[in-house]
PDB file of all heavy atoms in Angstrom:
ATOM      1  N   LEU A   1       0.831  -1.166  -0.021  1.00  0.00           N
ATOM      2  CA  LEU A   1       0.008   0.011   0.029  1.00  0.00           C
ATOM      3  C   LEU A   1       0.862   1.208   0.037  1.00  0.00           C
ATOM      4  O   LEU A   1       1.678   1.481   0.882  1.00  0.00           O
ATOM      5  CB  LEU A   1      -0.902   0.027   1.264  1.00  0.00           C
ATOM      6  CG  LEU A   1      -1.921   1.233   1.300  1.00  0.00           C
ATOM      7  CD1 LEU A   1      -2.842   1.303   0.151  1.00  0.00           C
ATOM      8  CD2 LEU A   1      -2.654   1.217   2.705  1.00  0.00           C
ATOM      9  N   VAL A   2       0.720   2.064  -1.053  1.00  0.00           N
ATOM     10  CA  VAL A   2       1.415   3.309  -1.115  1.00  0.00           C
ATOM     11  C   VAL A   2       0.448   4.504  -0.560  1.00  0.00           C
ATOM     12  O   VAL A   2      -0.806   4.395  -0.934  1.00  0.00           O
ATOM     13  CB  VAL A   2       1.827   3.640  -2.525  1.00  0.00           C
ATOM     14  CG1 VAL A   2       2.614   4.989  -2.513  1.00  0.00           C
ATOM     15  CG2 VAL A   2       2.699   2.520  -3.185  1.00  0.00           C
ATOM     16  N   THR A   3       0.950   5.313   0.214  1.00  0.00           N
ATOM     17  CA  THR A   3       0.102   6.368   0.844  1.00  0.00           C
ATOM     18  C   THR A   3       0.877   7.568   1.081  1.00  0.00           C
ATOM     19  O   THR A   3       2.128   7.630   0.815  1.00  0.00           O
ATOM     20  CB  THR A   3      -0.402   5.917   2.202  1.00  0.00           C
ATOM     21  OG1 THR A   3      -1.425   6.828   2.741  1.00  0.00           O
ATOM     22  CG2 THR A   3       0.632   5.702   3.272  1.00  0.00           C
ATOM     23  N   THR A   4       0.123   8.659   1.493  1.00  0.00           N
ATOM     24  CA  THR A   4       0.790   9.883   1.863  1.00  0.00           C
ATOM     25  C   THR A   4       0.743   9.947   3.380  1.00  0.00           C
ATOM     26  O   THR A   4       0.422   8.993   4.028  1.00  0.00           O
ATOM     27  CB  THR A   4      -0.004  11.088   1.316  1.00  0.00           C
ATOM     28  OG1 THR A   4      -1.386  11.059   1.740  1.00  0.00           O
ATOM     29  CG2 THR A   4      -0.029  11.051  -0.297  1.00  0.00           C
ATOM     30  N   THR A   5       1.006  11.138   3.887  1.00  0.00           N
ATOM     31  CA  THR A   5       0.915  11.240   5.326  1.00  0.00           C
ATOM     32  C   THR A   5      -0.475  11.103   5.924  1.00  0.00           C
ATOM     33  O   THR A   5      -0.645  11.197   7.180  1.00  0.00           O
ATOM     34  CB  THR A   5       1.509  12.626   5.792  1.00  0.00           C
ATOM     35  OG1 THR A   5       0.838  13.725   5.151  1.00  0.00           O
ATOM     36  CG2 THR A   5       3.018  12.740   5.589  1.00  0.00           C
ATOM     37  N   ILE A   6      -1.480  10.968   5.079  1.00  0.00           N
ATOM     38  CA  ILE A   6      -2.831  10.758   5.575  1.00  0.00           C
ATOM     39  C   ILE A   6      -2.935   9.507   6.506  1.00  0.00           C
ATOM     40  O   ILE A   6      -3.753   9.421   7.420  1.00  0.00           O
ATOM     41  CB  ILE A   6      -3.816  10.562   4.384  1.00  0.00           C
ATOM     42  CG1 ILE A   6      -5.310  10.666   4.876  1.00  0.00           C
ATOM     43  CG2 ILE A   6      -3.646   9.286   3.726  1.00  0.00           C
ATOM     44  CD1 ILE A   6      -5.668  11.998   5.305  1.00  0.00           C
ATOM     45  N   LEU A   7      -2.024   8.570   6.403  1.00  0.00           N
ATOM     46  CA  LEU A   7      -1.962   7.285   7.192  1.00  0.00           C
ATOM     47  C   LEU A   7      -0.785   7.373   8.188  1.00  0.00           C
ATOM     48  O   LEU A   7      -0.496   6.243   8.730  1.00  0.00           O
ATOM     49  CB  LEU A   7      -1.948   6.083   6.331  1.00  0.00           C
ATOM     50  CG  LEU A   7      -3.155   5.717   5.433  1.00  0.00           C
ATOM     51  CD1 LEU A   7      -3.019   4.343   4.900  1.00  0.00           C
ATOM     52  CD2 LEU A   7      -4.450   5.816   6.248  1.00  0.00           C
ATOM     53  N   GLU A   8      -0.270   8.529   8.444  1.00  0.00           N
ATOM     54  CA  GLU A   8       0.759   8.537   9.372  1.00  0.00           C
ATOM     55  C   GLU A   8       0.390   8.241  10.809  1.00  0.00           C
ATOM     56  O   GLU A   8       1.238   7.860  11.689  1.00  0.00           O
ATOM     57  CB  GLU A   8       1.476   9.942   9.419  1.00  0.00           C
ATOM     58  CG  GLU A   8       0.704  11.097  10.084  1.00  0.00           C
ATOM     59  CD  GLU A   8       1.394  12.367  10.091  1.00  0.00           C
ATOM     60  OE1 GLU A   8       1.959  12.774   9.028  1.00  0.00           O
ATOM     61  OE2 GLU A   8       1.249  13.139  11.030  1.00  0.00           O
ATOM     62  N   ARG A   9      -0.866   8.345  11.142  1.00  0.00           N
ATOM     63  CA  ARG A   9      -1.453   8.113  12.439  1.00  0.00           C
ATOM     64  C   ARG A   9      -2.815   7.629  12.479  1.00  0.00           C
ATOM     65  O   ARG A   9      -3.545   7.788  11.474  1.00  0.00           O
ATOM     66  CB  ARG A   9      -1.281   9.451  13.268  1.00  0.00           C
ATOM     67  CG  ARG A   9      -2.123  10.605  12.721  1.00  0.00           C
ATOM     68  CD  ARG A   9      -1.863  11.814  13.501  1.00  0.00           C
ATOM     69  NE  ARG A   9      -0.641  12.515  13.059  1.00  0.00           N
ATOM     70  CZ  ARG A   9       0.198  13.095  13.978  1.00  0.00           C
ATOM     71  NH1 ARG A   9      -0.153  13.165  15.221  1.00  0.00           N
ATOM     72  NH2 ARG A   9       1.210  13.715  13.582  1.00  0.00           N
ATOM     73  N   GLY A  10      -3.242   7.102  13.652  1.00  0.00           N
ATOM     74  CA  GLY A  10      -4.596   6.818  13.761  1.00  0.00           C
ATOM     75  C   GLY A  10      -5.082   5.433  13.299  1.00  0.00           C
ATOM     76  O   GLY A  10      -6.206   5.003  13.436  1.00  0.00           O
ATOM     77  N   VAL A  11      -4.180   4.687  12.518  1.00  0.00           N
ATOM     78  CA  VAL A  11      -4.495   3.420  11.953  1.00  0.00           C
ATOM     79  C   VAL A  11      -3.426   2.453  12.506  1.00  0.00           C
ATOM     80  O   VAL A  11      -2.265   2.674  12.582  1.00  0.00           O
ATOM     81  CB  VAL A  11      -4.529   3.409  10.462  1.00  0.00           C
ATOM     82  CG1 VAL A  11      -5.764   4.120   9.973  1.00  0.00           C
ATOM     83  CG2 VAL A  11      -3.332   3.941   9.893  1.00  0.00           C
ATOM     84  N   THR A  12      -3.875   1.256  12.719  1.00  0.00           N
ATOM     85  CA  THR A  12      -2.985   0.079  13.089  1.00  0.00           C
ATOM     86  C   THR A  12      -3.052  -0.967  12.166  1.00  0.00           C
ATOM     87  O   THR A  12      -4.164  -1.493  11.815  1.00  0.00           O
ATOM     88  CB  THR A  12      -3.431  -0.364  14.578  1.00  0.00           C
ATOM     89  OG1 THR A  12      -3.205   0.685  15.536  1.00  0.00           O
ATOM     90  CG2 THR A  12      -2.500  -1.536  14.976  1.00  0.00           C
ATOM     91  N   PHE A  13      -1.890  -1.364  11.714  1.00  0.00           N
ATOM     92  CA  PHE A  13      -1.733  -2.615  10.793  1.00  0.00           C
ATOM     93  C   PHE A  13      -0.861  -3.569  11.475  1.00  0.00           C
ATOM     94  O   PHE A  13       0.350  -3.329  11.758  1.00  0.00           O
ATOM     95  CB  PHE A  13      -1.212  -2.241   9.426  1.00  0.00           C
ATOM     96  CG  PHE A  13      -1.999  -1.100   8.726  1.00  0.00           C
ATOM     97  CD1 PHE A  13      -1.480   0.181   8.518  1.00  0.00           C
ATOM     98  CD2 PHE A  13      -3.190  -1.433   8.180  1.00  0.00           C
ATOM     99  CE1 PHE A  13      -2.171   1.112   7.816  1.00  0.00           C
ATOM    100  CE2 PHE A  13      -3.895  -0.460   7.521  1.00  0.00           C
ATOM    101  CZ  PHE A  13      -3.380   0.797   7.252  1.00  0.00           C
ATOM    102  N   PRO A  14      -1.335  -4.811  11.720  1.00  0.00           N
ATOM    103  CA  PRO A  14      -0.415  -5.694  12.374  1.00  0.00           C
ATOM    104  C   PRO A  14       0.739  -6.202  11.458  1.00  0.00           C
ATOM    105  O   PRO A  14       0.534  -6.369  10.266  1.00  0.00           O
ATOM    106  CB  PRO A  14      -1.386  -6.889  12.758  1.00  0.00           C
ATOM    107  CG  PRO A  14      -2.533  -6.769  11.860  1.00  0.00           C
ATOM    108  CD  PRO A  14      -2.614  -5.302  11.488  1.00  0.00           C
ATOM    109  N   CYS A  15       1.918  -6.391  12.044  1.00  0.00           N
ATOM    110  CA  CYS A  15       3.046  -6.976  11.396  1.00  0.00           C
ATOM    111  C   CYS A  15       3.474  -6.298  10.165  1.00  0.00           C
ATOM    112  O   CYS A  15       4.055  -6.875   9.243  1.00  0.00           O
ATOM    113  CB  CYS A  15       2.713  -8.455  11.052  1.00  0.00           C
ATOM    114  SG  CYS A  15       2.184  -9.403  12.446  1.00  0.00           S
ATOM    115  N   VAL A  16       3.274  -4.955   9.985  1.00  0.00           N
ATOM    116  CA  VAL A  16       3.675  -4.247   8.785  1.00  0.00           C
ATOM    117  C   VAL A  16       5.107  -3.772   8.723  1.00  0.00           C
ATOM    118  O   VAL A  16       5.733  -3.506   9.809  1.00  0.00           O
ATOM    119  CB  VAL A  16       2.649  -3.023   8.571  1.00  0.00           C
ATOM    120  CG1 VAL A  16       3.013  -1.920   9.590  1.00  0.00           C
ATOM    121  CG2 VAL A  16       2.747  -2.530   7.165  1.00  0.00           C
ATOM    122  N   ASP A  17       5.622  -3.751   7.566  1.00  0.00           N
ATOM    123  CA  ASP A  17       6.962  -3.056   7.389  1.00  0.00           C
ATOM    124  C   ASP A  17       6.732  -1.731   6.636  1.00  0.00           C
ATOM    125  O   ASP A  17       5.712  -1.513   6.018  1.00  0.00           O
ATOM    126  CB  ASP A  17       7.931  -3.875   6.493  1.00  0.00           C
ATOM    127  CG  ASP A  17       8.400  -5.123   7.187  1.00  0.00           C
ATOM    128  OD1 ASP A  17       8.645  -5.106   8.375  1.00  0.00           O
ATOM    129  OD2 ASP A  17       8.565  -6.192   6.500  1.00  0.00           O
ATOM    130  N   VAL A  18       7.566  -0.740   6.895  1.00  0.00           N
ATOM    131  CA  VAL A  18       7.378   0.528   6.392  1.00  0.00           C
ATOM    132  C   VAL A  18       8.602   1.151   5.744  1.00  0.00           C
ATOM    133  O   VAL A  18       9.737   1.062   6.229  1.00  0.00           O
ATOM    134  CB  VAL A  18       6.990   1.607   7.565  1.00  0.00           C
ATOM    135  CG1 VAL A  18       6.959   2.979   7.052  1.00  0.00           C
ATOM    136  CG2 VAL A  18       5.568   1.239   8.118  1.00  0.00           C
ATOM    137  N   PHE A  19       8.430   1.631   4.404  1.00  0.00           N
ATOM    138  CA  PHE A  19       9.367   2.331   3.720  1.00  0.00           C
ATOM    139  C   PHE A  19       8.952   3.856   3.603  1.00  0.00           C
ATOM    140  O   PHE A  19       7.789   4.165   3.312  1.00  0.00           O
ATOM    141  CB  PHE A  19       9.617   1.822   2.339  1.00  0.00           C
ATOM    142  CG  PHE A  19      10.282   0.456   2.253  1.00  0.00           C
ATOM    143  CD1 PHE A  19      10.508  -0.142   1.003  1.00  0.00           C
ATOM    144  CD2 PHE A  19      10.649  -0.204   3.421  1.00  0.00           C
ATOM    145  CE1 PHE A  19      11.069  -1.414   0.930  1.00  0.00           C
ATOM    146  CE2 PHE A  19      11.283  -1.547   3.279  1.00  0.00           C
ATOM    147  CZ  PHE A  19      11.459  -2.041   2.095  1.00  0.00           C
ATOM    148  N   VAL A  20       9.871   4.717   3.771  1.00  0.00           N
ATOM    149  CA  VAL A  20       9.520   6.130   3.442  1.00  0.00           C
ATOM    150  C   VAL A  20      10.442   6.670   2.328  1.00  0.00           C
ATOM    151  O   VAL A  20      11.655   6.681   2.542  1.00  0.00           O
ATOM    152  CB  VAL A  20       9.688   7.149   4.656  1.00  0.00           C
ATOM    153  CG1 VAL A  20       9.280   8.498   4.329  1.00  0.00           C
ATOM    154  CG2 VAL A  20       8.886   6.573   5.944  1.00  0.00           C
ATOM    155  N   VAL A  21       9.937   6.887   1.144  1.00  0.00           N
ATOM    156  CA  VAL A  21      10.727   7.414   0.076  1.00  0.00           C
ATOM    157  C   VAL A  21      10.793   8.910   0.146  1.00  0.00           C
ATOM    158  O   VAL A  21       9.836   9.550   0.426  1.00  0.00           O
ATOM    159  CB  VAL A  21      10.233   6.928  -1.389  1.00  0.00           C
ATOM    160  CG1 VAL A  21      10.472   5.360  -1.461  1.00  0.00           C
ATOM    161  CG2 VAL A  21       8.748   7.299  -1.563  1.00  0.00           C
ATOM    162  N   GLU A  22      11.939   9.452  -0.179  1.00  0.00           N
ATOM    163  CA  GLU A  22      12.204  10.925  -0.090  1.00  0.00           C
ATOM    164  C   GLU A  22      11.850  11.383   1.391  1.00  0.00           C
ATOM    165  O   GLU A  22      11.173  12.361   1.539  1.00  0.00           O
ATOM    166  CB  GLU A  22      11.343  11.663  -1.132  1.00  0.00           C
ATOM    167  CG  GLU A  22      11.721  11.309  -2.528  1.00  0.00           C
ATOM    168  CD  GLU A  22      10.866  12.236  -3.549  1.00  0.00           C
ATOM    169  OE1 GLU A  22       9.696  12.058  -3.518  1.00  0.00           O
ATOM    170  OE2 GLU A  22      11.527  12.990  -4.252  1.00  0.00           O
ATOM    171  N   ALA A  23      12.401  10.633   2.306  1.00  0.00           N
ATOM    172  CA  ALA A  23      12.124  10.992   3.798  1.00  0.00           C
ATOM    173  C   ALA A  23      12.601  12.345   4.081  1.00  0.00           C
ATOM    174  O   ALA A  23      12.170  12.967   5.030  1.00  0.00           O
ATOM    175  CB  ALA A  23      12.782   9.973   4.652  1.00  0.00           C
ATOM    176  N   ASN A  24      13.498  12.916   3.317  1.00  0.00           N
ATOM    177  CA  ASN A  24      14.017  14.343   3.612  1.00  0.00           C
ATOM    178  C   ASN A  24      13.201  15.372   2.858  1.00  0.00           C
ATOM    179  O   ASN A  24      13.529  16.585   2.848  1.00  0.00           O
ATOM    180  CB  ASN A  24      15.474  14.402   3.128  1.00  0.00           C
ATOM    181  CG  ASN A  24      15.756  13.949   1.654  1.00  0.00           C
ATOM    182  OD1 ASN A  24      15.117  13.089   1.163  1.00  0.00           O
ATOM    183  ND2 ASN A  24      16.611  14.675   0.990  1.00  0.00           N
ATOM    184  N   HIS A  25      12.074  14.956   2.292  1.00  0.00           N
ATOM    185  CA  HIS A  25      11.203  15.917   1.651  1.00  0.00           C
ATOM    186  C   HIS A  25      10.606  16.898   2.724  1.00  0.00           C
ATOM    187  O   HIS A  25      10.254  16.522   3.787  1.00  0.00           O
ATOM    188  CB  HIS A  25      10.080  15.205   0.913  1.00  0.00           C
ATOM    189  CG  HIS A  25       9.234  16.067  -0.070  1.00  0.00           C
ATOM    190  ND1 HIS A  25       8.256  16.957   0.412  1.00  0.00           N
ATOM    191  CD2 HIS A  25       9.268  16.238  -1.419  1.00  0.00           C
ATOM    192  CE1 HIS A  25       7.766  17.587  -0.606  1.00  0.00           C
ATOM    193  NE2 HIS A  25       8.353  17.174  -1.716  1.00  0.00           N
ATOM    194  N   ARG A  26      10.397  18.134   2.317  1.00  0.00           N
ATOM    195  CA  ARG A  26       9.983  19.219   3.253  1.00  0.00           C
ATOM    196  C   ARG A  26       8.532  18.852   3.877  1.00  0.00           C
ATOM    197  O   ARG A  26       8.188  19.316   4.945  1.00  0.00           O
ATOM    198  CB  ARG A  26       9.796  20.548   2.555  1.00  0.00           C
ATOM    199  CG  ARG A  26       8.861  20.571   1.367  1.00  0.00           C
ATOM    200  CD  ARG A  26       8.718  21.900   0.661  1.00  0.00           C
ATOM    201  NE  ARG A  26       7.888  21.788  -0.461  1.00  0.00           N
ATOM    202  CZ  ARG A  26       6.624  21.844  -0.490  1.00  0.00           C
ATOM    203  NH1 ARG A  26       6.031  21.904   0.654  1.00  0.00           N
ATOM    204  NH2 ARG A  26       5.883  21.635  -1.604  1.00  0.00           N
ATOM    205  N   LEU A  27       7.765  18.053   3.138  1.00  0.00           N
ATOM    206  CA  LEU A  27       6.446  17.640   3.766  1.00  0.00           C
ATOM    207  C   LEU A  27       6.457  16.581   4.869  1.00  0.00           C
ATOM    208  O   LEU A  27       5.503  16.410   5.603  1.00  0.00           O
ATOM    209  CB  LEU A  27       5.533  17.124   2.605  1.00  0.00           C
ATOM    210  CG  LEU A  27       5.029  18.227   1.635  1.00  0.00           C
ATOM    211  CD1 LEU A  27       4.224  17.612   0.476  1.00  0.00           C
ATOM    212  CD2 LEU A  27       4.351  19.400   2.292  1.00  0.00           C
ATOM    213  N   PHE A  28       7.618  15.924   4.984  1.00  0.00           N
ATOM    214  CA  PHE A  28       7.731  15.073   6.192  1.00  0.00           C
ATOM    215  C   PHE A  28       8.407  15.745   7.381  1.00  0.00           C
ATOM    216  O   PHE A  28       9.602  15.908   7.455  1.00  0.00           O
ATOM    217  CB  PHE A  28       8.670  13.876   5.717  1.00  0.00           C
ATOM    218  CG  PHE A  28       7.997  12.909   4.764  1.00  0.00           C
ATOM    219  CD1 PHE A  28       8.601  12.658   3.532  1.00  0.00           C
ATOM    220  CD2 PHE A  28       6.800  12.234   5.137  1.00  0.00           C
ATOM    221  CE1 PHE A  28       8.001  11.762   2.665  1.00  0.00           C
ATOM    222  CE2 PHE A  28       6.209  11.383   4.270  1.00  0.00           C
ATOM    223  CZ  PHE A  28       6.776  11.094   3.032  1.00  0.00           C
ATOM    224  N   SER A  29       7.552  16.254   8.302  1.00  0.00           N
ATOM    225  CA  SER A  29       8.066  16.946   9.470  1.00  0.00           C
ATOM    226  C   SER A  29       8.633  15.884  10.393  1.00  0.00           C
ATOM    227  O   SER A  29       8.318  14.695  10.220  1.00  0.00           O
ATOM    228  CB  SER A  29       6.936  17.747  10.132  1.00  0.00           C
ATOM    229  OG  SER A  29       5.953  16.808  10.594  1.00  0.00           O
ATOM    230  N   HIS A  30       9.271  16.320  11.480  1.00  0.00           N
ATOM    231  CA  HIS A  30       9.817  15.387  12.389  1.00  0.00           C
ATOM    232  C   HIS A  30       8.709  14.585  13.095  1.00  0.00           C
ATOM    233  O   HIS A  30       8.838  13.377  13.284  1.00  0.00           O
ATOM    234  CB  HIS A  30      10.758  16.029  13.367  1.00  0.00           C
ATOM    235  CG  HIS A  30      10.207  16.310  14.738  1.00  0.00           C
ATOM    236  ND1 HIS A  30       9.551  17.436  15.001  1.00  0.00           N
ATOM    237  CD2 HIS A  30      10.228  15.601  15.841  1.00  0.00           C
ATOM    238  CE1 HIS A  30       9.140  17.369  16.260  1.00  0.00           C
ATOM    239  NE2 HIS A  30       9.541  16.291  16.852  1.00  0.00           N
ATOM    240  N   SER A  31       7.646  15.256  13.413  1.00  0.00           N
ATOM    241  CA  SER A  31       6.537  14.643  14.150  1.00  0.00           C
ATOM    242  C   SER A  31       5.874  13.657  13.145  1.00  0.00           C
ATOM    243  O   SER A  31       5.476  12.582  13.642  1.00  0.00           O
ATOM    244  CB  SER A  31       5.587  15.637  14.595  1.00  0.00           C
ATOM    245  OG  SER A  31       4.808  16.370  13.606  1.00  0.00           O
ATOM    246  N   ALA A  32       5.730  13.916  11.877  1.00  0.00           N
ATOM    247  CA  ALA A  32       5.172  13.027  10.941  1.00  0.00           C
ATOM    248  C   ALA A  32       6.006  11.768  10.895  1.00  0.00           C
ATOM    249  O   ALA A  32       5.559  10.684  10.812  1.00  0.00           O
ATOM    250  CB  ALA A  32       5.039  13.645   9.618  1.00  0.00           C
ATOM    251  N   LEU A  33       7.310  11.945  10.751  1.00  0.00           N
ATOM    252  CA  LEU A  33       8.254  10.848  10.759  1.00  0.00           C
ATOM    253  C   LEU A  33       8.147   9.882  12.032  1.00  0.00           C
ATOM    254  O   LEU A  33       8.306   8.687  11.889  1.00  0.00           O
ATOM    255  CB  LEU A  33       9.688  11.194  10.428  1.00  0.00           C
ATOM    256  CG  LEU A  33       9.954  11.907   9.006  1.00  0.00           C
ATOM    257  CD1 LEU A  33      11.372  12.501   8.998  1.00  0.00           C
ATOM    258  CD2 LEU A  33       9.787  10.854   7.966  1.00  0.00           C
ATOM    259  N   VAL A  34       8.062  10.501  13.106  1.00  0.00           N
ATOM    260  CA  VAL A  34       7.973   9.723  14.341  1.00  0.00           C
ATOM    261  C   VAL A  34       6.690   8.876  14.238  1.00  0.00           C
ATOM    262  O   VAL A  34       6.516   7.710  14.625  1.00  0.00           O
ATOM    263  CB  VAL A  34       7.857  10.706  15.616  1.00  0.00           C
ATOM    264  CG1 VAL A  34       7.444   9.915  16.847  1.00  0.00           C
ATOM    265  CG2 VAL A  34       9.278  11.350  15.820  1.00  0.00           C
ATOM    266  N   GLN A  35       5.493   9.555  13.850  1.00  0.00           N
ATOM    267  CA  GLN A  35       4.235   8.830  13.639  1.00  0.00           C
ATOM    268  C   GLN A  35       4.384   7.737  12.703  1.00  0.00           C
ATOM    269  O   GLN A  35       3.808   6.570  12.922  1.00  0.00           O
ATOM    270  CB  GLN A  35       3.159   9.792  13.298  1.00  0.00           C
ATOM    271  CG  GLN A  35       2.764  10.764  14.412  1.00  0.00           C
ATOM    272  CD  GLN A  35       1.942  10.132  15.520  1.00  0.00           C
ATOM    273  OE1 GLN A  35       1.453   9.017  15.436  1.00  0.00           O
ATOM    274  NE2 GLN A  35       1.716  10.887  16.625  1.00  0.00           N
ATOM    275  N   ILE A  36       4.931   7.997  11.567  1.00  0.00           N
ATOM    276  CA  ILE A  36       5.143   6.973  10.541  1.00  0.00           C
ATOM    277  C   ILE A  36       5.932   5.817  11.101  1.00  0.00           C
ATOM    278  O   ILE A  36       5.532   4.636  10.885  1.00  0.00           O
ATOM    279  CB  ILE A  36       5.831   7.552   9.296  1.00  0.00           C
ATOM    280  CG1 ILE A  36       4.878   8.469   8.594  1.00  0.00           C
ATOM    281  CG2 ILE A  36       6.322   6.516   8.360  1.00  0.00           C
ATOM    282  CD1 ILE A  36       5.518   9.286   7.468  1.00  0.00           C
ATOM    283  N   ALA A  37       7.034   6.122  11.820  1.00  0.00           N
ATOM    284  CA  ALA A  37       7.825   4.998  12.402  1.00  0.00           C
ATOM    285  C   ALA A  37       7.001   4.180  13.392  1.00  0.00           C
ATOM    286  O   ALA A  37       7.258   2.973  13.537  1.00  0.00           O
ATOM    287  CB  ALA A  37       9.056   5.662  13.167  1.00  0.00           C
ATOM    288  N   GLY A  38       6.003   4.831  14.068  1.00  0.00           N
ATOM    289  CA  GLY A  38       5.200   4.171  14.918  1.00  0.00           C
ATOM    290  C   GLY A  38       4.304   3.123  14.336  1.00  0.00           C
ATOM    291  O   GLY A  38       3.641   2.376  15.128  1.00  0.00           O
TER     292      GLY A  38
END
C-alpha cells in the first residue's frame, strides 16, 4: 500500500513493514516521521 501522510497516524496494521521514500522531503516533518515510524 502506497500512501501519503494521511495514514501517518490513527490506524494500526499488524506486522507491517514501512518504507519512506524521499524521507528528507519538506512535507515530512519530524513529528510526521515519528508517527510513521510508529
